[in-house]
Amino acid sequence: MNMDNVKIEASWKAVLADEFEKDYFKKLTIHLHQAKQAGKTIYPPGSKMFNAFDSTPFYEVKVVILGQDPYHNPDQAMGLSFSVPQGIKVPPSLRNIYKELATDVGVNIPQHGDLSKWATQGVFLLNAMLSVEKNQPSSHKNLGWQHFTDAAIRALSQKREHLVFMLWGAFAGRKSVLIDSQKHLVLTSAHPSPFSAHRGFLGNKHFSQANTYLEAYKIQRVDWQV
C-alpha cells in the first residue's frame, strides 16, 4: 500500500499499520482515486484527510471528540471534527459547542471555527468517516472508513490510559463499546446540532469534567480557548 501521498503522523502510521494492508482500505483508496479521476470533488482535500492524526500524535492524545462526517460544503472540511478554517462561517453545531464552553468553563466565544489549537494540545478531533463527496452528506459512509476509525479508537482504548472520550449524539454514543470505561472517562450526551442541543448537550459540562479528570491523573488540562 503506497501511503507516500497521504500525510499521517508516524506514531499513528505504526499503530494502524495493519489497517493499511487490509482489503477494505485498499478498496477505499481505489474508490477515492476513481472518484477523483471521474471529476468528483471530495472533501477534505487529500492533504488534510488525515489531519486529525497528523495534528495529534498517538501518544499525545488526551481527549477524543468524535464527529460523524466531514462538512460537505466548499471550503469547510479541514480534517478535524467540528472545525472549519479561519474565515469560514462558524457552523451551527460548533456555535452550540462554543455556547457550552462559555457557560461551562468561561471561554470567550470565538469569532472563528478553527479548532487546531485544541488538536495541538492533545484533543483528537476524529470524524468516523474521513471523506465525503461535495454536497452529498454521508456519501462515503459505506466505503470502509469506519473500520479504520474504529481501529483508531480501539487502539487508544487498549494502549493508552486515562483518556477522555466525548461522544455526542446516538451515532457517537454507539462507539462506547470500543472503549474500556474502567481505564478511561467516557462522556455521552445529545449532539450539539440545533435539532438536539437543548435535549442534553447544553449544560453537559463535558469540558470541565474532562479537565477535572485529567488533573486527577496529573495530566495537563486543556486550554479550551481557541
Protein backbone atom coordinates (compact mmCIF):
# COMPACT_ATOMS: atom_id res chain seq x y z
CA MET A 1 0.00 0.00 0.00
CA ASN A 2 1.57 3.26 -1.10
CA MET A 3 0.94 5.79 1.64
CA ASP A 4 3.56 8.28 0.44
CA ASN A 5 0.95 10.75 -0.78
CA VAL A 6 -1.05 10.61 2.47
CA LYS A 7 0.04 12.80 5.34
CA ILE A 8 -0.25 10.77 8.52
CA GLU A 9 1.89 11.14 11.60
CA ALA A 10 4.49 8.42 12.27
CA SER A 11 3.13 7.09 15.58
CA TRP A 12 -0.34 6.63 14.09
CA LYS A 13 1.15 5.06 10.99
CA ALA A 14 2.86 2.48 13.20
CA VAL A 15 -0.19 1.81 15.40
CA LEU A 16 -2.51 1.40 12.40
CA ALA A 17 -0.04 -0.28 10.04
CA ASP A 18 -2.14 -3.43 9.72
CA GLU A 19 -5.19 -1.44 8.63
CA PHE A 20 -3.41 -0.03 5.58
CA GLU A 21 -2.87 -3.57 4.29
CA LYS A 22 -6.46 -4.77 4.67
CA ASP A 23 -8.75 -5.24 1.69
CA TYR A 24 -11.25 -2.62 2.82
CA PHE A 25 -8.55 0.06 2.93
CA LYS A 26 -7.21 -0.87 -0.48
CA LYS A 27 -10.73 -0.73 -1.93
CA LEU A 28 -11.34 2.59 -0.19
CA THR A 29 -8.24 4.19 -1.70
CA ILE A 30 -9.15 2.85 -5.14
CA HIS A 31 -12.65 4.31 -4.80
CA LEU A 32 -11.28 7.73 -3.82
CA HIS A 33 -8.84 7.67 -6.73
CA GLN A 34 -11.57 6.70 -9.20
CA ALA A 35 -13.91 9.38 -7.86
CA LYS A 36 -11.21 11.98 -8.35
CA GLN A 37 -10.48 10.68 -11.85
CA ALA A 38 -14.20 10.98 -12.63
CA GLY A 39 -14.09 14.66 -11.71
CA LYS A 40 -15.93 14.39 -8.41
CA THR A 41 -15.00 16.84 -5.66
CA ILE A 42 -14.04 15.11 -2.41
CA TYR A 43 -13.69 16.86 0.94
CA PRO A 44 -11.40 17.42 2.70
CA PRO A 45 -8.53 17.61 0.20
CA GLY A 46 -6.18 14.63 0.28
CA SER A 47 -3.50 16.52 2.17
CA LYS A 48 -6.00 17.12 5.01
CA MET A 49 -7.78 13.76 5.05
CA PHE A 50 -5.63 12.52 7.96
CA ASN A 51 -5.27 15.93 9.60
CA ALA A 52 -6.66 14.73 12.96
CA PHE A 53 -3.99 12.03 13.14
CA ASP A 54 -1.21 14.31 11.93
CA SER A 55 -2.13 17.09 14.36
CA THR A 56 -2.42 14.87 17.44
CA PRO A 57 0.17 12.06 17.66
CA PHE A 58 -1.00 8.80 19.22
CA TYR A 59 0.92 9.18 22.48
CA GLU A 60 -0.13 12.83 22.90
CA VAL A 61 -3.90 12.24 22.78
CA LYS A 62 -5.70 13.33 25.96
CA VAL A 63 -9.28 13.86 24.76
CA VAL A 64 -11.20 12.36 21.84
CA ILE A 65 -14.11 14.30 20.32
CA LEU A 66 -15.88 12.12 17.77
CA GLY A 67 -17.77 13.52 14.81
CA GLN A 68 -19.57 11.60 12.10
CA ASP A 69 -18.96 13.07 8.65
CA PRO A 70 -16.74 15.82 7.24
CA TYR A 71 -18.50 19.02 6.20
CA HIS A 72 -19.73 18.64 2.62
CA ASN A 73 -19.91 22.31 1.57
CA PRO A 74 -17.00 24.09 -0.14
CA ASP A 75 -14.07 25.29 1.99
CA GLN A 76 -15.38 23.89 5.28
CA ALA A 77 -13.78 20.46 5.83
CA MET A 78 -10.25 20.53 7.22
CA GLY A 79 -9.90 17.01 8.60
CA LEU A 80 -10.73 17.93 12.22
CA SER A 81 -14.18 17.11 13.58
CA PHE A 82 -16.46 20.15 14.04
CA SER A 83 -13.67 22.51 12.88
CA VAL A 84 -13.67 24.89 9.90
CA PRO A 85 -10.82 27.09 8.66
CA GLN A 86 -10.48 30.69 9.74
CA GLY A 87 -12.61 32.97 7.59
CA ILE A 88 -15.39 30.39 7.16
CA LYS A 89 -18.72 30.95 8.92
CA VAL A 90 -18.97 29.01 12.20
CA PRO A 91 -21.41 26.09 11.64
CA PRO A 92 -24.47 25.69 13.90
CA SER A 93 -23.20 22.68 15.90
CA LEU A 94 -19.92 24.45 16.63
CA ARG A 95 -21.81 27.55 17.73
CA ASN A 96 -23.56 25.39 20.32
CA ILE A 97 -20.22 23.88 21.39
CA TYR A 98 -18.98 27.44 21.94
CA LYS A 99 -22.11 28.25 23.97
CA GLU A 100 -21.45 25.29 26.24
CA LEU A 101 -17.79 26.26 26.57
CA ALA A 102 -18.79 29.76 27.62
CA THR A 103 -21.18 28.59 30.34
CA ASP A 104 -19.08 25.61 31.46
CA VAL A 105 -15.53 26.97 31.57
CA GLY A 106 -15.92 30.67 30.83
CA VAL A 107 -14.37 30.64 27.35
CA ASN A 108 -14.94 33.80 25.32
CA ILE A 109 -16.99 32.77 22.30
CA PRO A 110 -14.56 32.82 19.33
CA GLN A 111 -15.29 34.60 16.06
CA HIS A 112 -13.81 31.73 14.04
CA GLY A 113 -14.24 27.96 13.89
CA ASP A 114 -10.66 26.71 13.66
CA LEU A 115 -10.04 24.18 16.44
CA SER A 116 -6.40 23.49 15.55
CA LYS A 117 -5.29 24.83 18.93
CA TRP A 118 -7.19 22.02 20.61
CA ALA A 119 -5.59 19.43 18.34
CA THR A 120 -2.07 20.59 19.20
CA GLN A 121 -2.93 20.23 22.91
CA GLY A 122 -3.94 16.58 22.57
CA VAL A 123 -7.61 16.84 21.59
CA PHE A 124 -8.09 14.21 18.88
CA LEU A 125 -10.79 15.63 16.61
CA LEU A 126 -11.82 12.46 14.80
CA ASN A 127 -14.60 12.00 12.28
CA ALA A 128 -15.86 8.44 11.83
CA MET A 129 -15.73 8.98 8.06
CA LEU A 130 -12.69 10.81 6.74
CA SER A 131 -14.09 11.87 3.37
CA VAL A 132 -17.30 12.96 1.72
CA GLU A 133 -18.43 13.98 -1.76
CA LYS A 134 -19.26 17.65 -2.30
CA ASN A 135 -22.88 18.45 -1.35
CA GLN A 136 -23.58 14.76 -0.60
CA PRO A 137 -23.73 14.24 3.19
CA SER A 138 -22.83 10.73 4.37
CA SER A 139 -21.93 9.76 0.79
CA HIS A 140 -18.85 7.85 1.96
CA LYS A 141 -20.36 6.14 4.99
CA ASN A 142 -20.15 2.72 3.32
CA LEU A 143 -16.61 2.95 1.94
CA GLY A 144 -14.96 1.33 4.96
CA TRP A 145 -13.74 4.39 6.83
CA GLN A 146 -15.45 3.21 10.00
CA HIS A 147 -13.26 0.10 10.09
CA PHE A 148 -10.26 2.42 10.12
CA THR A 149 -11.52 4.94 12.66
CA ASP A 150 -12.92 2.20 14.92
CA ALA A 151 -9.43 0.68 14.89
CA ALA A 152 -8.02 4.04 15.98
CA ILE A 153 -10.49 4.30 18.87
CA ARG A 154 -9.85 0.69 19.88
CA ALA A 155 -6.08 1.26 19.84
CA LEU A 156 -6.40 4.32 22.05
CA SER A 157 -8.56 2.39 24.50
CA GLN A 158 -6.19 -0.58 24.63
CA LYS A 159 -2.76 1.06 24.52
CA ARG A 160 -3.39 4.28 26.47
CA GLU A 161 -4.78 5.13 29.90
CA HIS A 162 -6.84 7.96 31.40
CA LEU A 163 -8.20 9.45 28.19
CA VAL A 164 -11.46 11.37 27.93
CA PHE A 165 -13.88 10.34 25.17
CA MET A 166 -16.66 12.81 24.33
CA LEU A 167 -19.42 11.00 22.45
CA TRP A 168 -22.18 13.36 21.37
CA GLY A 169 -25.36 12.01 19.82
CA ALA A 170 -26.59 8.48 19.15
CA PHE A 171 -24.05 7.71 16.41
CA ALA A 172 -21.04 8.62 18.53
CA GLY A 173 -22.58 7.02 21.60
CA ARG A 174 -22.60 3.64 19.90
CA LYS A 175 -18.79 3.79 19.77
CA SER A 176 -18.67 3.37 23.55
CA VAL A 177 -18.49 -0.40 23.01
CA LEU A 178 -14.96 0.11 21.66
CA ILE A 179 -13.76 1.82 24.85
CA ASP A 180 -12.71 0.37 28.21
CA SER A 181 -14.59 2.58 30.65
CA GLN A 182 -12.52 1.19 33.52
CA LYS A 183 -9.40 2.85 32.08
CA HIS A 184 -10.93 5.95 30.53
CA LEU A 185 -13.64 8.56 31.10
CA VAL A 186 -16.49 8.20 28.63
CA LEU A 187 -18.82 11.21 28.44
CA THR A 188 -22.05 10.97 26.45
CA SER A 189 -24.82 13.44 25.73
CA ALA A 190 -27.10 14.70 22.99
CA HIS A 191 -25.47 16.08 19.85
CA PRO A 192 -24.69 19.83 19.66
CA SER A 193 -26.80 20.14 16.49
CA PRO A 194 -29.55 22.80 16.78
CA PHE A 195 -32.05 19.95 16.46
CA SER A 196 -30.88 18.25 19.66
CA ALA A 197 -28.56 20.51 21.67
CA HIS A 198 -31.38 21.53 24.03
CA ARG A 199 -32.01 17.86 24.86
CA GLY A 200 -28.88 17.47 26.95
CA PHE A 201 -25.84 18.84 25.14
CA LEU A 202 -26.17 22.35 26.52
CA GLY A 203 -25.37 22.02 30.20
CA ASN A 204 -23.47 18.72 29.91
CA LYS A 205 -20.29 20.29 31.39
CA HIS A 206 -18.09 17.89 29.46
CA PHE A 207 -15.23 20.36 29.13
CA SER A 208 -14.84 21.00 32.85
CA GLN A 209 -15.33 17.29 33.59
CA ALA A 210 -12.53 16.48 31.15
CA ASN A 211 -10.09 18.84 32.82
CA THR A 212 -11.01 17.65 36.32
CA TYR A 213 -10.36 14.06 35.24
CA LEU A 214 -7.06 14.88 33.52
CA GLU A 215 -5.78 16.81 36.52
CA ALA A 216 -6.71 13.93 38.83
CA TYR A 217 -4.17 11.84 36.91
CA LYS A 218 -1.55 14.62 36.81
CA ILE A 219 -2.18 15.29 33.11
CA GLN A 220 -2.01 18.85 31.80
CA ARG A 221 -5.51 20.31 31.44
CA VAL A 222 -6.77 21.57 28.08
CA ASP A 223 -7.00 25.31 27.44
CA TRP A 224 -10.35 25.35 25.65
CA GLN A 225 -9.96 28.90 24.34
CA VAL A 226 -9.31 28.77 20.58
